[in-house]
Amino acid sequence: MKTAFLLLIVFVATCNTFPTGAPLSVCSSMVPSHGVAAQTSNAPVTLTVSASSYTASSTLTITITATSGTFRGFFLQARSAVDTSNTIAYGEFFDIPSNAKAINCNDLTSSAATHTSRADKTSIVLKWRAPNPAGNIQFMLTYVQTFSVYWGAIKSSVISGPGVAVIPTIAAGTTDPPPSVLIETVS
């Protein structure tokens, strides 16, 4: 009886692991430790960015909105749109609403944002301050509808850094990059 009770406690503790936001251990992979694979269908979310370009220290507003039902968790970073193997998060989230918090990925202050509770949400609005020019970036989102239903690698449209122009964009809610991306330096 004691063994069964102990196993039940361990199981419940495992299932409720990070209700107050993603841990630092997911900074690179952006994959929650929920013990299930990400969904492969289009995510029921829109990821909207207030501008298509940035300059050093400019502020962008990022809005995550459920298009069907609600969501309980999220993890958001700005990453290089050119070097997809680069897991460094760029910029800084600030003026964080009460249902979110910033975390320091790769020892970079407030470089990612995540939820603070598993309460149902329909949208969240975040502010992000651009770093010194880091080239073209994309916001990368992990979207958690319920503990066992989540989507990863949701990309915003490409945000152009100073001196760089981008022709195509990637639709939010999809995980596939466009067939080709043309990047050119603007003089």
C-alpha atoms as a PDB file:
ATOM      1  CA  MET A   1       0.000   0.000   0.000  1.00  0.00           C
ATOM      2  CA  LYS A   2       2.817   2.450   0.885  1.00  0.00           C
ATOM      3  CA  THR A   3       4.561   1.662  -2.428  1.00  0.00           C
ATOM      4  CA  ALA A   4       1.389   2.371  -4.450  1.00  0.00           C
ATOM      5  CA  PHE A   5       0.864   5.646  -2.579  1.00  0.00           C
ATOM      6  CA  LEU A   6       4.482   6.689  -3.170  1.00  0.00           C
ATOM      7  CA  LEU A   7       4.176   5.874  -6.882  1.00  0.00           C
ATOM      8  CA  LEU A   8       0.989   7.963  -7.065  1.00  0.00           C
ATOM      9  CA  ILE A   9       2.765  10.945  -5.484  1.00  0.00           C
ATOM     10  CA  VAL A  10       5.700  10.618  -7.911  1.00  0.00           C
ATOM     11  CA  PHE A  11       3.283  10.395 -10.877  1.00  0.00           C
ATOM     12  CA  VAL A  12       1.287  13.459  -9.780  1.00  0.00           C
ATOM     13  CA  ALA A  13       4.482  15.446  -9.161  1.00  0.00           C
ATOM     14  CA  THR A  14       5.756  14.512 -12.624  1.00  0.00           C
ATOM     15  CA  CYS A  15       2.504  15.552 -14.342  1.00  0.00           C
ATOM     16  CA  ASN A  16       2.442  18.938 -12.645  1.00  0.00           C
ATOM     17  CA  THR A  17       6.104  19.702 -13.134  1.00  0.00           C
ATOM     18  CA  PHE A  18       6.255  23.309 -14.360  1.00  0.00           C
ATOM     19  CA  PRO A  19       2.858  24.984 -13.940  1.00  0.00           C
ATOM     20  CA  THR A  20       4.599  28.302 -13.257  1.00  0.00           C
ATOM     21  CA  GLY A  21       6.538  28.474 -16.497  1.00  0.00           C
ATOM     22  CA  ALA A  22       9.206  26.802 -18.532  1.00  0.00           C
ATOM     23  CA  PRO A  23      12.505  26.012 -16.784  1.00  0.00           C
ATOM     24  CA  LEU A  24      15.903  27.132 -18.084  1.00  0.00           C
ATOM     25  CA  SER A  25      16.538  23.592 -19.288  1.00  0.00           C
ATOM     26  CA  VAL A  26      14.245  24.192 -22.303  1.00  0.00           C
ATOM     27  CA  CYS A  27      16.041  27.328 -23.521  1.00  0.00           C
ATOM     28  CA  SER A  28      17.822  25.553 -26.378  1.00  0.00           C
ATOM     29  CA  SER A  29      15.313  22.881 -27.398  1.00  0.00           C
ATOM     30  CA  MET A  30      12.109  24.791 -26.585  1.00  0.00           C
ATOM     31  CA  VAL A  31      10.532  21.378 -25.911  1.00  0.00           C
ATOM     32  CA  PRO A  32       8.558  20.958 -22.672  1.00  0.00           C
ATOM     33  CA  SER A  33       9.254  17.928 -20.491  1.00  0.00           C
ATOM     34  CA  HIS A  34       5.682  16.695 -20.719  1.00  0.00           C
ATOM     35  CA  GLY A  35       6.512  13.181 -21.869  1.00  0.00           C
ATOM     36  CA  VAL A  36       4.528  13.502 -25.114  1.00  0.00           C
ATOM     37  CA  ALA A  37       5.467  14.557 -28.636  1.00  0.00           C
ATOM     38  CA  ALA A  38       4.451  17.894 -30.122  1.00  0.00           C
ATOM     39  CA  GLN A  39       1.388  18.083 -32.327  1.00  0.00           C
ATOM     40  CA  THR A  40       2.108  18.064 -36.058  1.00  0.00           C
ATOM     41  CA  SER A  41      -1.054  19.827 -37.229  1.00  0.00           C
ATOM     42  CA  ASN A  42      -1.269  23.614 -37.616  1.00  0.00           C
ATOM     43  CA  ALA A  43      -1.406  25.253 -34.204  1.00  0.00           C
ATOM     44  CA  PRO A  44      -4.644  27.019 -33.189  1.00  0.00           C
ATOM     45  CA  VAL A  45      -2.782  30.251 -32.509  1.00  0.00           C
ATOM     46  CA  THR A  46      -1.740  33.470 -34.173  1.00  0.00           C
ATOM     47  CA  LEU A  47       1.648  34.972 -33.397  1.00  0.00           C
ATOM     48  CA  THR A  48       1.601  38.641 -34.340  1.00  0.00           C
ATOM     49  CA  VAL A  49       4.560  41.031 -34.295  1.00  0.00           C
ATOM     50  CA  SER A  50       3.962  44.792 -34.432  1.00  0.00           C
ATOM     51  CA  ALA A  51       6.647  45.552 -37.027  1.00  0.00           C
ATOM     52  CA  SER A  52       8.450  43.844 -39.883  1.00  0.00           C
ATOM     53  CA  SER A  53      11.843  45.361 -39.033  1.00  0.00           C
ATOM     54  CA  TYR A  54      13.810  46.554 -36.033  1.00  0.00           C
ATOM     55  CA  THR A  55      16.711  48.801 -35.107  1.00  0.00           C
ATOM     56  CA  ALA A  56      18.885  48.677 -31.993  1.00  0.00           C
ATOM     57  CA  SER A  57      16.800  49.312 -28.853  1.00  0.00           C
ATOM     58  CA  SER A  58      13.508  49.543 -30.739  1.00  0.00           C
ATOM     59  CA  THR A  59      10.441  48.041 -29.086  1.00  0.00           C
ATOM     60  CA  LEU A  60       8.201  45.446 -30.709  1.00  0.00           C
ATOM     61  CA  THR A  61       4.900  44.147 -29.372  1.00  0.00           C
ATOM     62  CA  ILE A  62       4.267  40.433 -29.737  1.00  0.00           C
ATOM     63  CA  THR A  63       0.740  39.049 -29.344  1.00  0.00           C
ATOM     64  CA  ILE A  64      -0.081  35.374 -28.863  1.00  0.00           C
ATOM     65  CA  THR A  65      -3.789  34.713 -29.515  1.00  0.00           C
ATOM     66  CA  ALA A  66      -5.663  31.419 -29.350  1.00  0.00           C
ATOM     67  CA  THR A  67      -7.755  30.940 -32.488  1.00  0.00           C
ATOM     68  CA  SER A  68      -9.681  28.066 -30.952  1.00  0.00           C
ATOM     69  CA  GLY A  69     -10.339  27.623 -27.249  1.00  0.00           C
ATOM     70  CA  THR A  70      -7.697  28.620 -24.734  1.00  0.00           C
ATOM     71  CA  PHE A  71      -4.094  27.842 -23.901  1.00  0.00           C
ATOM     72  CA  ARG A  72      -2.301  27.262 -20.624  1.00  0.00           C
ATOM     73  CA  GLY A  73       1.363  27.799 -21.354  1.00  0.00           C
ATOM     74  CA  PHE A  74       3.886  29.226 -23.770  1.00  0.00           C
ATOM     75  CA  PHE A  75       7.592  29.771 -24.267  1.00  0.00           C
ATOM     76  CA  LEU A  76       8.788  32.561 -26.584  1.00  0.00           C
ATOM     77  CA  GLN A  77      12.204  33.683 -27.862  1.00  0.00           C
ATOM     78  CA  ALA A  78      13.611  35.763 -30.720  1.00  0.00           C
ATOM     79  CA  ARG A  79      16.170  33.754 -32.706  1.00  0.00           C
ATOM     80  CA  SER A  80      18.191  34.095 -35.884  1.00  0.00           C
ATOM     81  CA  ALA A  81      16.034  33.632 -38.991  1.00  0.00           C
ATOM     82  CA  VAL A  82      19.107  32.808 -41.072  1.00  0.00           C
ATOM     83  CA  ASP A  83      21.063  30.352 -38.907  1.00  0.00           C
ATOM     84  CA  THR A  84      18.394  27.943 -37.673  1.00  0.00           C
ATOM     85  CA  SER A  85      20.988  25.897 -35.774  1.00  0.00           C
ATOM     86  CA  ASN A  86      21.699  28.938 -33.578  1.00  0.00           C
ATOM     87  CA  THR A  87      19.756  28.532 -30.318  1.00  0.00           C
ATOM     88  CA  ILE A  88      20.787  31.888 -28.846  1.00  0.00           C
ATOM     89  CA  ALA A  89      17.849  34.100 -27.849  1.00  0.00           C
ATOM     90  CA  TYR A  90      18.134  37.757 -28.876  1.00  0.00           C
ATOM     91  CA  GLY A  91      16.705  40.871 -27.274  1.00  0.00           C
ATOM     92  CA  GLU A  92      14.975  41.429 -23.977  1.00  0.00           C
ATOM     93  CA  PHE A  93      11.355  41.073 -22.831  1.00  0.00           C
ATOM     94  CA  PHE A  94      10.188  43.847 -20.498  1.00  0.00           C
ATOM     95  CA  ASP A  95       6.995  45.310 -18.988  1.00  0.00           C
ATOM     96  CA  ILE A  96       5.833  41.732 -18.538  1.00  0.00           C
ATOM     97  CA  PRO A  97       2.115  41.215 -17.733  1.00  0.00           C
ATOM     98  CA  SER A  98       1.200  39.410 -14.501  1.00  0.00           C
ATOM     99  CA  ASN A  99       0.404  36.121 -16.274  1.00  0.00           C
ATOM    100  CA  ALA A 100       3.919  35.918 -17.755  1.00  0.00           C
ATOM    101  CA  LYS A 101       7.541  36.250 -16.726  1.00  0.00           C
ATOM    102  CA  ALA A 102      10.921  36.714 -18.379  1.00  0.00           C
ATOM    103  CA  ILE A 103      13.718  34.190 -17.906  1.00  0.00           C
ATOM    104  CA  ASN A 104      17.448  34.434 -18.621  1.00  0.00           C
ATOM    105  CA  CYS A 105      18.344  31.914 -21.311  1.00  0.00           C
ATOM    106  CA  ASN A 106      22.074  31.472 -22.030  1.00  0.00           C
ATOM    107  CA  ASP A 107      22.798  34.002 -19.264  1.00  0.00           C
ATOM    108  CA  LEU A 108      21.132  36.739 -21.332  1.00  0.00           C
ATOM    109  CA  THR A 109      18.823  38.917 -19.238  1.00  0.00           C
ATOM    110  CA  SER A 110      15.093  38.441 -19.909  1.00  0.00           C
ATOM    111  CA  SER A 111      15.804  36.777 -23.263  1.00  0.00           C
ATOM    112  CA  ALA A 112      12.735  34.504 -23.164  1.00  0.00           C
ATOM    113  CA  ALA A 113       9.168  34.786 -21.909  1.00  0.00           C
ATOM    114  CA  THR A 114       6.932  32.108 -20.407  1.00  0.00           C
ATOM    115  CA  HIS A 115       3.675  31.714 -18.457  1.00  0.00           C
ATOM    116  CA  THR A 116       3.376  32.091 -14.676  1.00  0.00           C
ATOM    117  CA  SER A 117       0.386  29.788 -14.171  1.00  0.00           C
ATOM    118  CA  ARG A 118      -1.500  27.111 -16.020  1.00  0.00           C
ATOM    119  CA  ALA A 119      -4.705  29.162 -15.889  1.00  0.00           C
ATOM    120  CA  ASP A 120      -6.562  29.313 -19.205  1.00  0.00           C
ATOM    121  CA  LYS A 121      -5.612  32.239 -21.449  1.00  0.00           C
ATOM    122  CA  THR A 122      -7.025  33.480 -24.750  1.00  0.00           C
ATOM    123  CA  SER A 123      -4.198  35.914 -25.504  1.00  0.00           C
ATOM    124  CA  ILE A 124      -1.116  37.533 -24.100  1.00  0.00           C
ATOM    125  CA  VAL A 125       0.722  40.680 -25.171  1.00  0.00           C
ATOM    126  CA  LEU A 126       4.471  41.021 -24.609  1.00  0.00           C
ATOM    127  CA  LYS A 127       6.970  43.809 -25.216  1.00  0.00           C
ATOM    128  CA  TRP A 128      10.425  43.073 -26.573  1.00  0.00           C
ATOM    129  CA  ARG A 129      13.443  45.361 -26.858  1.00  0.00           C
ATOM    130  CA  ALA A 130      15.743  44.723 -29.803  1.00  0.00           C
ATOM    131  CA  PRO A 131      19.447  44.094 -29.238  1.00  0.00           C
ATOM    132  CA  ASN A 132      22.250  45.666 -31.194  1.00  0.00           C
ATOM    133  CA  PRO A 133      21.648  44.487 -34.740  1.00  0.00           C
ATOM    134  CA  ALA A 134      21.601  40.702 -34.858  1.00  0.00           C
ATOM    135  CA  GLY A 135      20.486  40.311 -38.475  1.00  0.00           C
ATOM    136  CA  ASN A 136      17.096  38.930 -39.384  1.00  0.00           C
ATOM    137  CA  ILE A 137      15.202  37.323 -36.529  1.00  0.00           C
ATOM    138  CA  GLN A 138      12.035  35.329 -35.971  1.00  0.00           C
ATOM    139  CA  PHE A 139      10.048  34.859 -32.821  1.00  0.00           C
ATOM    140  CA  MET A 140       9.859  31.158 -31.952  1.00  0.00           C
ATOM    141  CA  LEU A 141       6.918  29.920 -29.899  1.00  0.00           C
ATOM    142  CA  THR A 142       6.078  26.754 -28.018  1.00  0.00           C
ATOM    143  CA  TYR A 143       2.313  26.806 -27.462  1.00  0.00           C
ATOM    144  CA  VAL A 144       0.771  24.615 -24.749  1.00  0.00           C
ATOM    145  CA  GLN A 145      -2.973  24.083 -24.991  1.00  0.00           C
ATOM    146  CA  THR A 146      -3.062  21.418 -22.251  1.00  0.00           C
ATOM    147  CA  PHE A 147      -0.367  19.412 -20.529  1.00  0.00           C
ATOM    148  CA  SER A 148      -0.436  16.681 -23.187  1.00  0.00           C
ATOM    149  CA  VAL A 149      -1.293  18.878 -26.210  1.00  0.00           C
ATOM    150  CA  TYR A 150       1.334  21.339 -27.390  1.00  0.00           C
ATOM    151  CA  TRP A 151       2.926  22.667 -30.573  1.00  0.00           C
ATOM    152  CA  GLY A 152       6.583  23.578 -30.965  1.00  0.00           C
ATOM    153  CA  ALA A 153       8.666  25.574 -33.433  1.00  0.00           C
ATOM    154  CA  ILE A 154       5.904  28.019 -34.333  1.00  0.00           C
ATOM    155  CA  LYS A 155       7.612  30.862 -36.183  1.00  0.00           C
ATOM    156  CA  SER A 156       6.608  34.465 -36.671  1.00  0.00           C
ATOM    157  CA  SER A 157       7.231  36.215 -39.937  1.00  0.00           C
ATOM    158  CA  VAL A 158      10.860  37.230 -40.446  1.00  0.00           C
ATOM    159  CA  ILE A 159      11.747  40.535 -38.779  1.00  0.00           C
ATOM    160  CA  SER A 160      14.424  42.408 -40.761  1.00  0.00           C
ATOM    161  CA  GLY A 161      17.443  43.715 -38.939  1.00  0.00           C
ATOM    162  CA  PRO A 162      19.095  47.008 -39.911  1.00  0.00           C
ATOM    163  CA  GLY A 163      20.519  46.920 -43.431  1.00  0.00           C
ATOM    164  CA  VAL A 164      18.849  43.609 -44.336  1.00  0.00           C
ATOM    165  CA  ALA A 165      15.737  43.019 -46.443  1.00  0.00           C
ATOM    166  CA  VAL A 166      13.678  39.855 -46.489  1.00  0.00           C
ATOM    167  CA  ILE A 167      11.364  38.899 -49.345  1.00  0.00           C
ATOM    168  CA  PRO A 168       9.178  35.944 -48.150  1.00  0.00           C
ATOM    169  CA  THR A 169       7.700  35.287 -44.714  1.00  0.00           C
ATOM    170  CA  ILE A 170       6.567  32.185 -42.882  1.00  0.00           C
ATOM    171  CA  ALA A 171       2.942  32.023 -41.802  1.00  0.00           C
ATOM    172  CA  ALA A 172       2.466  31.880 -38.034  1.00  0.00           C
ATOM    173  CA  GLY A 173       1.123  28.544 -36.881  1.00  0.00           C
ATOM    174  CA  THR A 174       3.203  26.549 -39.354  1.00  0.00           C
ATOM    175  CA  THR A 175       6.462  24.814 -38.679  1.00  0.00           C
ATOM    176  CA  ASP A 176       7.806  24.568 -42.223  1.00  0.00           C
ATOM    177  CA  PRO A 177      10.204  27.161 -43.637  1.00  0.00           C
ATOM    178  CA  PRO A 178       9.464  28.602 -47.077  1.00  0.00           C
ATOM    179  CA  PRO A 179      10.997  26.751 -50.065  1.00  0.00           C
ATOM    180  CA  SER A 180      13.592  29.491 -50.502  1.00  0.00           C
ATOM    181  CA  VAL A 181      14.513  32.693 -48.749  1.00  0.00           C
ATOM    182  CA  LEU A 182      16.153  35.588 -50.563  1.00  0.00           C
ATOM    183  CA  ILE A 183      18.217  37.805 -48.308  1.00  0.00           C
ATOM    184  CA  GLU A 184      20.062  40.805 -49.586  1.00  0.00           C
ATOM    185  CA  THR A 185      21.949  43.655 -48.007  1.00  0.00           C
ATOM    186  CA  VAL A 186      20.376  47.064 -48.403  1.00  0.00           C
ATOM    187  CA  SER A 187      22.828  49.918 -48.840  1.00  0.00           C
END
